[in-house]
Amino acid sequence: MADGVDVSAVREEEFETLLPLIAAYQGFYEVEDVDHGRNRHFFHRFLAPSEDGRLLAARDGSGTILGYACLYWHFSSLAAAETVLMNDLYVTPEARGRGVGRALIEASAAVARERGAAWLEWATAPDNHTAQRLYDSMTSEKSTWLEYELDV
């Protein structure tokens, strides 16, 4: 883990302080209409214990949240096993380059191992080269699968 950084589940009493980071993550990916009420309702379901997933926070020594990861319990029919999808990974701009993202990924992998998941998976935008450098340093296997979306 990064020096002076602790990663653990987001606590109920700090949930509201996480919401601006979630909005910043959405802004990074150019979400045009960030809805704070919808975010509050949607992400609250991932506070531990949860049957849907888990929110992890990386904190400095004073308890300030430097970044977060949102994990979804996920499944693979090919492996006939549970997997964990790290759907969101965000580090505040002032904390970037300090190992916070790596610490969040390592903590996410630990959660996946604790659950007995077959693997931890994630994706990023093709032009997010900064994140890709971190991800490439963490794994020897890059997925060759393509993702598709269909509006419904």
C-alpha atoms as a PDB file:
ATOM      1  CA  MET A   1       0.000   0.000   0.000  1.00  0.00           C
ATOM      2  CA  ALA A   2       1.037   3.611  -0.483  1.00  0.00           C
ATOM      3  CA  ASP A   3       2.760   5.148   2.522  1.00  0.00           C
ATOM      4  CA  GLY A   4       0.296   6.741   4.890  1.00  0.00           C
ATOM      5  CA  VAL A   5      -2.737   5.472   2.940  1.00  0.00           C
ATOM      6  CA  ASP A   6      -5.346   3.193   4.456  1.00  0.00           C
ATOM      7  CA  VAL A   7      -7.969   1.480   2.283  1.00  0.00           C
ATOM      8  CA  SER A   8     -11.133  -0.004   3.722  1.00  0.00           C
ATOM      9  CA  ALA A   9     -14.882  -0.048   3.199  1.00  0.00           C
ATOM     10  CA  VAL A  10     -16.646   3.309   3.120  1.00  0.00           C
ATOM     11  CA  ARG A  11     -18.414   3.922   6.425  1.00  0.00           C
ATOM     12  CA  GLU A  12     -21.977   5.208   6.640  1.00  0.00           C
ATOM     13  CA  GLU A  13     -20.846   8.343   8.476  1.00  0.00           C
ATOM     14  CA  GLU A  14     -18.425   9.320   5.687  1.00  0.00           C
ATOM     15  CA  PHE A  15     -20.672   8.453   2.750  1.00  0.00           C
ATOM     16  CA  GLU A  16     -21.731  12.066   2.114  1.00  0.00           C
ATOM     17  CA  THR A  17     -18.059  13.137   1.831  1.00  0.00           C
ATOM     18  CA  LEU A  18     -17.580  10.507  -0.886  1.00  0.00           C
ATOM     19  CA  LEU A  19     -20.352  11.852  -3.124  1.00  0.00           C
ATOM     20  CA  PRO A  20     -18.295  14.770  -4.549  1.00  0.00           C
ATOM     21  CA  LEU A  21     -15.605  12.272  -5.621  1.00  0.00           C
ATOM     22  CA  ILE A  22     -18.245  10.183  -7.371  1.00  0.00           C
ATOM     23  CA  ALA A  23     -19.455  13.318  -9.170  1.00  0.00           C
ATOM     24  CA  ALA A  24     -15.848  14.182 -10.109  1.00  0.00           C
ATOM     25  CA  TYR A  25     -15.389  10.663 -11.537  1.00  0.00           C
ATOM     26  CA  GLN A  26     -18.553  11.107 -13.590  1.00  0.00           C
ATOM     27  CA  GLY A  27     -17.327  14.513 -14.731  1.00  0.00           C
ATOM     28  CA  PHE A  28     -14.013  13.003 -15.817  1.00  0.00           C
ATOM     29  CA  TYR A  29     -15.992  10.701 -18.101  1.00  0.00           C
ATOM     30  CA  GLU A  30     -18.052  13.671 -19.321  1.00  0.00           C
ATOM     31  CA  VAL A  31     -21.381  12.789 -17.746  1.00  0.00           C
ATOM     32  CA  GLU A  32     -23.448  15.858 -18.621  1.00  0.00           C
ATOM     33  CA  ASP A  33     -26.173  15.683 -15.997  1.00  0.00           C
ATOM     34  CA  VAL A  34     -24.651  14.532 -12.708  1.00  0.00           C
ATOM     35  CA  ASP A  35     -27.603  13.899 -10.413  1.00  0.00           C
ATOM     36  CA  HIS A  36     -26.496  14.041  -6.783  1.00  0.00           C
ATOM     37  CA  GLY A  37     -29.757  12.606  -5.464  1.00  0.00           C
ATOM     38  CA  ARG A  38     -29.594   9.675  -7.863  1.00  0.00           C
ATOM     39  CA  ASN A  39     -25.932   9.132  -6.935  1.00  0.00           C
ATOM     40  CA  ARG A  40     -26.793   9.146  -3.229  1.00  0.00           C
ATOM     41  CA  HIS A  41     -29.512   6.529  -3.755  1.00  0.00           C
ATOM     42  CA  PHE A  42     -27.568   4.374  -6.230  1.00  0.00           C
ATOM     43  CA  PHE A  43     -24.198   4.241  -4.451  1.00  0.00           C
ATOM     44  CA  HIS A  44     -25.614   3.825  -0.934  1.00  0.00           C
ATOM     45  CA  ARG A  45     -26.441   0.223  -1.867  1.00  0.00           C
ATOM     46  CA  PHE A  46     -22.700  -0.578  -1.942  1.00  0.00           C
ATOM     47  CA  LEU A  47     -22.015   0.240   1.711  1.00  0.00           C
ATOM     48  CA  ALA A  48     -20.893  -2.918   3.511  1.00  0.00           C
ATOM     49  CA  PRO A  49     -22.437  -5.299   4.115  1.00  0.00           C
ATOM     50  CA  SER A  50     -24.073  -5.435   0.700  1.00  0.00           C
ATOM     51  CA  GLU A  51     -25.291  -8.141  -1.617  1.00  0.00           C
ATOM     52  CA  ASP A  52     -24.564  -5.852  -4.594  1.00  0.00           C
ATOM     53  CA  GLY A  53     -20.929  -4.833  -4.078  1.00  0.00           C
ATOM     54  CA  ARG A  54     -18.685  -2.627  -1.976  1.00  0.00           C
ATOM     55  CA  LEU A  55     -17.364   0.911  -1.852  1.00  0.00           C
ATOM     56  CA  LEU A  56     -13.728   1.208  -0.803  1.00  0.00           C
ATOM     57  CA  ALA A  57     -12.078   4.457   0.237  1.00  0.00           C
ATOM     58  CA  ALA A  58      -8.387   5.326   0.351  1.00  0.00           C
ATOM     59  CA  ARG A  59      -7.706   7.718   3.236  1.00  0.00           C
ATOM     60  CA  ASP A  60      -4.667   9.652   4.366  1.00  0.00           C
ATOM     61  CA  GLY A  61      -3.536   9.778   7.998  1.00  0.00           C
ATOM     62  CA  SER A  62      -6.111  12.458   8.832  1.00  0.00           C
ATOM     63  CA  GLY A  63      -8.969  10.380   7.403  1.00  0.00           C
ATOM     64  CA  THR A  64      -9.415  12.506   4.276  1.00  0.00           C
ATOM     65  CA  ILE A  65     -10.669  10.411   1.364  1.00  0.00           C
ATOM     66  CA  LEU A  66      -8.108  10.502  -1.460  1.00  0.00           C
ATOM     67  CA  GLY A  67      -9.900   8.133  -3.811  1.00  0.00           C
ATOM     68  CA  TYR A  68     -12.404   5.336  -4.062  1.00  0.00           C
ATOM     69  CA  ALA A  69     -13.240   2.137  -5.877  1.00  0.00           C
ATOM     70  CA  CYS A  70     -16.727   0.767  -6.428  1.00  0.00           C
ATOM     71  CA  LEU A  71     -16.902  -3.007  -6.716  1.00  0.00           C
ATOM     72  CA  TYR A  72     -19.821  -4.972  -8.153  1.00  0.00           C
ATOM     73  CA  TRP A  73     -20.304  -8.639  -7.434  1.00  0.00           C
ATOM     74  CA  HIS A  74     -20.295 -10.096 -10.914  1.00  0.00           C
ATOM     75  CA  PHE A  75     -20.438 -13.491 -12.596  1.00  0.00           C
ATOM     76  CA  SER A  76     -18.763 -15.396 -15.391  1.00  0.00           C
ATOM     77  CA  SER A  77     -20.771 -18.097 -17.115  1.00  0.00           C
ATOM     78  CA  LEU A  78     -17.577 -19.284 -18.852  1.00  0.00           C
ATOM     79  CA  ALA A  79     -15.912 -19.995 -15.502  1.00  0.00           C
ATOM     80  CA  ALA A  80     -19.232 -20.717 -13.759  1.00  0.00           C
ATOM     81  CA  ALA A  81     -17.935 -18.575 -10.917  1.00  0.00           C
ATOM     82  CA  GLU A  82     -18.331 -15.241  -9.218  1.00  0.00           C
ATOM     83  CA  THR A  83     -15.978 -12.476 -10.253  1.00  0.00           C
ATOM     84  CA  VAL A  84     -15.596  -8.936  -8.954  1.00  0.00           C
ATOM     85  CA  LEU A  85     -15.943  -5.978 -11.296  1.00  0.00           C
ATOM     86  CA  MET A  86     -14.084  -2.851 -10.228  1.00  0.00           C
ATOM     87  CA  ASN A  87     -16.503  -0.579 -12.025  1.00  0.00           C
ATOM     88  CA  ASP A  88     -15.117   2.729 -10.738  1.00  0.00           C
ATOM     89  CA  LEU A  89     -11.624   3.778  -9.676  1.00  0.00           C
ATOM     90  CA  TYR A  90     -11.003   7.442  -8.918  1.00  0.00           C
ATOM     91  CA  VAL A  91      -8.174   9.306  -7.208  1.00  0.00           C
ATOM     92  CA  THR A  92      -8.366  13.019  -6.472  1.00  0.00           C
ATOM     93  CA  PRO A  93      -6.045  15.075  -8.699  1.00  0.00           C
ATOM     94  CA  GLU A  94      -3.870  16.187  -5.767  1.00  0.00           C
ATOM     95  CA  ALA A  95      -3.314  12.567  -4.654  1.00  0.00           C
ATOM     96  CA  ARG A  96      -2.405  11.149  -8.070  1.00  0.00           C
ATOM     97  CA  GLY A  97       1.058   9.687  -8.514  1.00  0.00           C
ATOM     98  CA  ARG A  98       1.316   8.716  -4.834  1.00  0.00           C
ATOM     99  CA  GLY A  99       0.288   5.056  -5.147  1.00  0.00           C
ATOM    100  CA  VAL A 100      -3.340   5.598  -4.150  1.00  0.00           C
ATOM    101  CA  GLY A 101      -4.744   3.956  -7.298  1.00  0.00           C
ATOM    102  CA  ARG A 102      -2.450   0.955  -6.833  1.00  0.00           C
ATOM    103  CA  ALA A 103      -3.531   0.687  -3.183  1.00  0.00           C
ATOM    104  CA  LEU A 104      -7.197   0.711  -4.231  1.00  0.00           C
ATOM    105  CA  ILE A 105      -6.607  -2.013  -6.824  1.00  0.00           C
ATOM    106  CA  GLU A 106      -4.696  -4.142  -4.312  1.00  0.00           C
ATOM    107  CA  ALA A 107      -7.493  -3.718  -1.762  1.00  0.00           C
ATOM    108  CA  SER A 108     -10.070  -4.579  -4.440  1.00  0.00           C
ATOM    109  CA  ALA A 109      -8.128  -7.750  -5.264  1.00  0.00           C
ATOM    110  CA  ALA A 110      -8.048  -8.633  -1.559  1.00  0.00           C
ATOM    111  CA  VAL A 111     -11.842  -8.272  -1.389  1.00  0.00           C
ATOM    112  CA  ALA A 112     -12.175 -10.512  -4.467  1.00  0.00           C
ATOM    113  CA  ARG A 113      -9.925 -13.139  -2.836  1.00  0.00           C
ATOM    114  CA  GLU A 114     -11.913 -12.953   0.420  1.00  0.00           C
ATOM    115  CA  ARG A 115     -15.095 -13.605  -1.559  1.00  0.00           C
ATOM    116  CA  GLY A 116     -13.507 -16.552  -3.370  1.00  0.00           C
ATOM    117  CA  ALA A 117     -13.956 -14.808  -6.713  1.00  0.00           C
ATOM    118  CA  ALA A 118     -12.251 -16.218  -9.784  1.00  0.00           C
ATOM    119  CA  TRP A 119     -10.755 -12.809 -10.710  1.00  0.00           C
ATOM    120  CA  LEU A 120     -10.978  -9.038 -10.444  1.00  0.00           C
ATOM    121  CA  GLU A 121     -11.784  -7.251 -13.693  1.00  0.00           C
ATOM    122  CA  TRP A 122     -12.060  -3.650 -14.841  1.00  0.00           C
ATOM    123  CA  ALA A 123     -12.129  -1.507 -17.955  1.00  0.00           C
ATOM    124  CA  THR A 124     -11.152   2.016 -18.892  1.00  0.00           C
ATOM    125  CA  ALA A 125     -11.668   4.380 -21.778  1.00  0.00           C
ATOM    126  CA  PRO A 126      -9.316   3.840 -24.737  1.00  0.00           C
ATOM    127  CA  ASP A 127      -7.908   7.357 -24.337  1.00  0.00           C
ATOM    128  CA  ASN A 128      -7.260   7.126 -20.580  1.00  0.00           C
ATOM    129  CA  HIS A 129      -3.538   6.468 -21.025  1.00  0.00           C
ATOM    130  CA  THR A 130      -2.617   7.509 -17.484  1.00  0.00           C
ATOM    131  CA  ALA A 131      -4.855   4.820 -16.013  1.00  0.00           C
ATOM    132  CA  GLN A 132      -3.652   2.301 -18.585  1.00  0.00           C
ATOM    133  CA  ARG A 133      -0.031   2.775 -17.457  1.00  0.00           C
ATOM    134  CA  LEU A 134      -1.045   1.863 -13.912  1.00  0.00           C
ATOM    135  CA  TYR A 135      -3.184  -1.058 -15.059  1.00  0.00           C
ATOM    136  CA  ASP A 136      -0.470  -2.389 -17.364  1.00  0.00           C
ATOM    137  CA  SER A 137       1.956  -2.364 -14.426  1.00  0.00           C
ATOM    138  CA  MET A 138      -0.455  -4.434 -12.304  1.00  0.00           C
ATOM    139  CA  THR A 139      -1.248  -7.330 -14.620  1.00  0.00           C
ATOM    140  CA  SER A 140       0.422  -9.372 -17.279  1.00  0.00           C
ATOM    141  CA  GLU A 141      -2.871 -10.030 -19.059  1.00  0.00           C
ATOM    142  CA  LYS A 142      -4.874  -7.405 -20.886  1.00  0.00           C
ATOM    143  CA  SER A 143      -8.289  -8.578 -21.972  1.00  0.00           C
ATOM    144  CA  THR A 144      -8.843  -9.019 -25.687  1.00  0.00           C
ATOM    145  CA  TRP A 145     -12.616  -8.811 -25.294  1.00  0.00           C
ATOM    146  CA  LEU A 146     -14.518  -5.897 -26.821  1.00  0.00           C
ATOM    147  CA  GLU A 147     -17.327  -4.210 -24.914  1.00  0.00           C
ATOM    148  CA  TYR A 148     -20.623  -3.170 -26.449  1.00  0.00           C
ATOM    149  CA  GLU A 149     -23.535  -1.127 -25.159  1.00  0.00           C
ATOM    150  CA  LEU A 150     -27.137  -0.975 -26.277  1.00  0.00           C
ATOM    151  CA  ASP A 151     -29.412   1.781 -25.029  1.00  0.00           C
ATOM    152  CA  VAL A 152     -32.692   0.335 -23.792  1.00  0.00           C
END
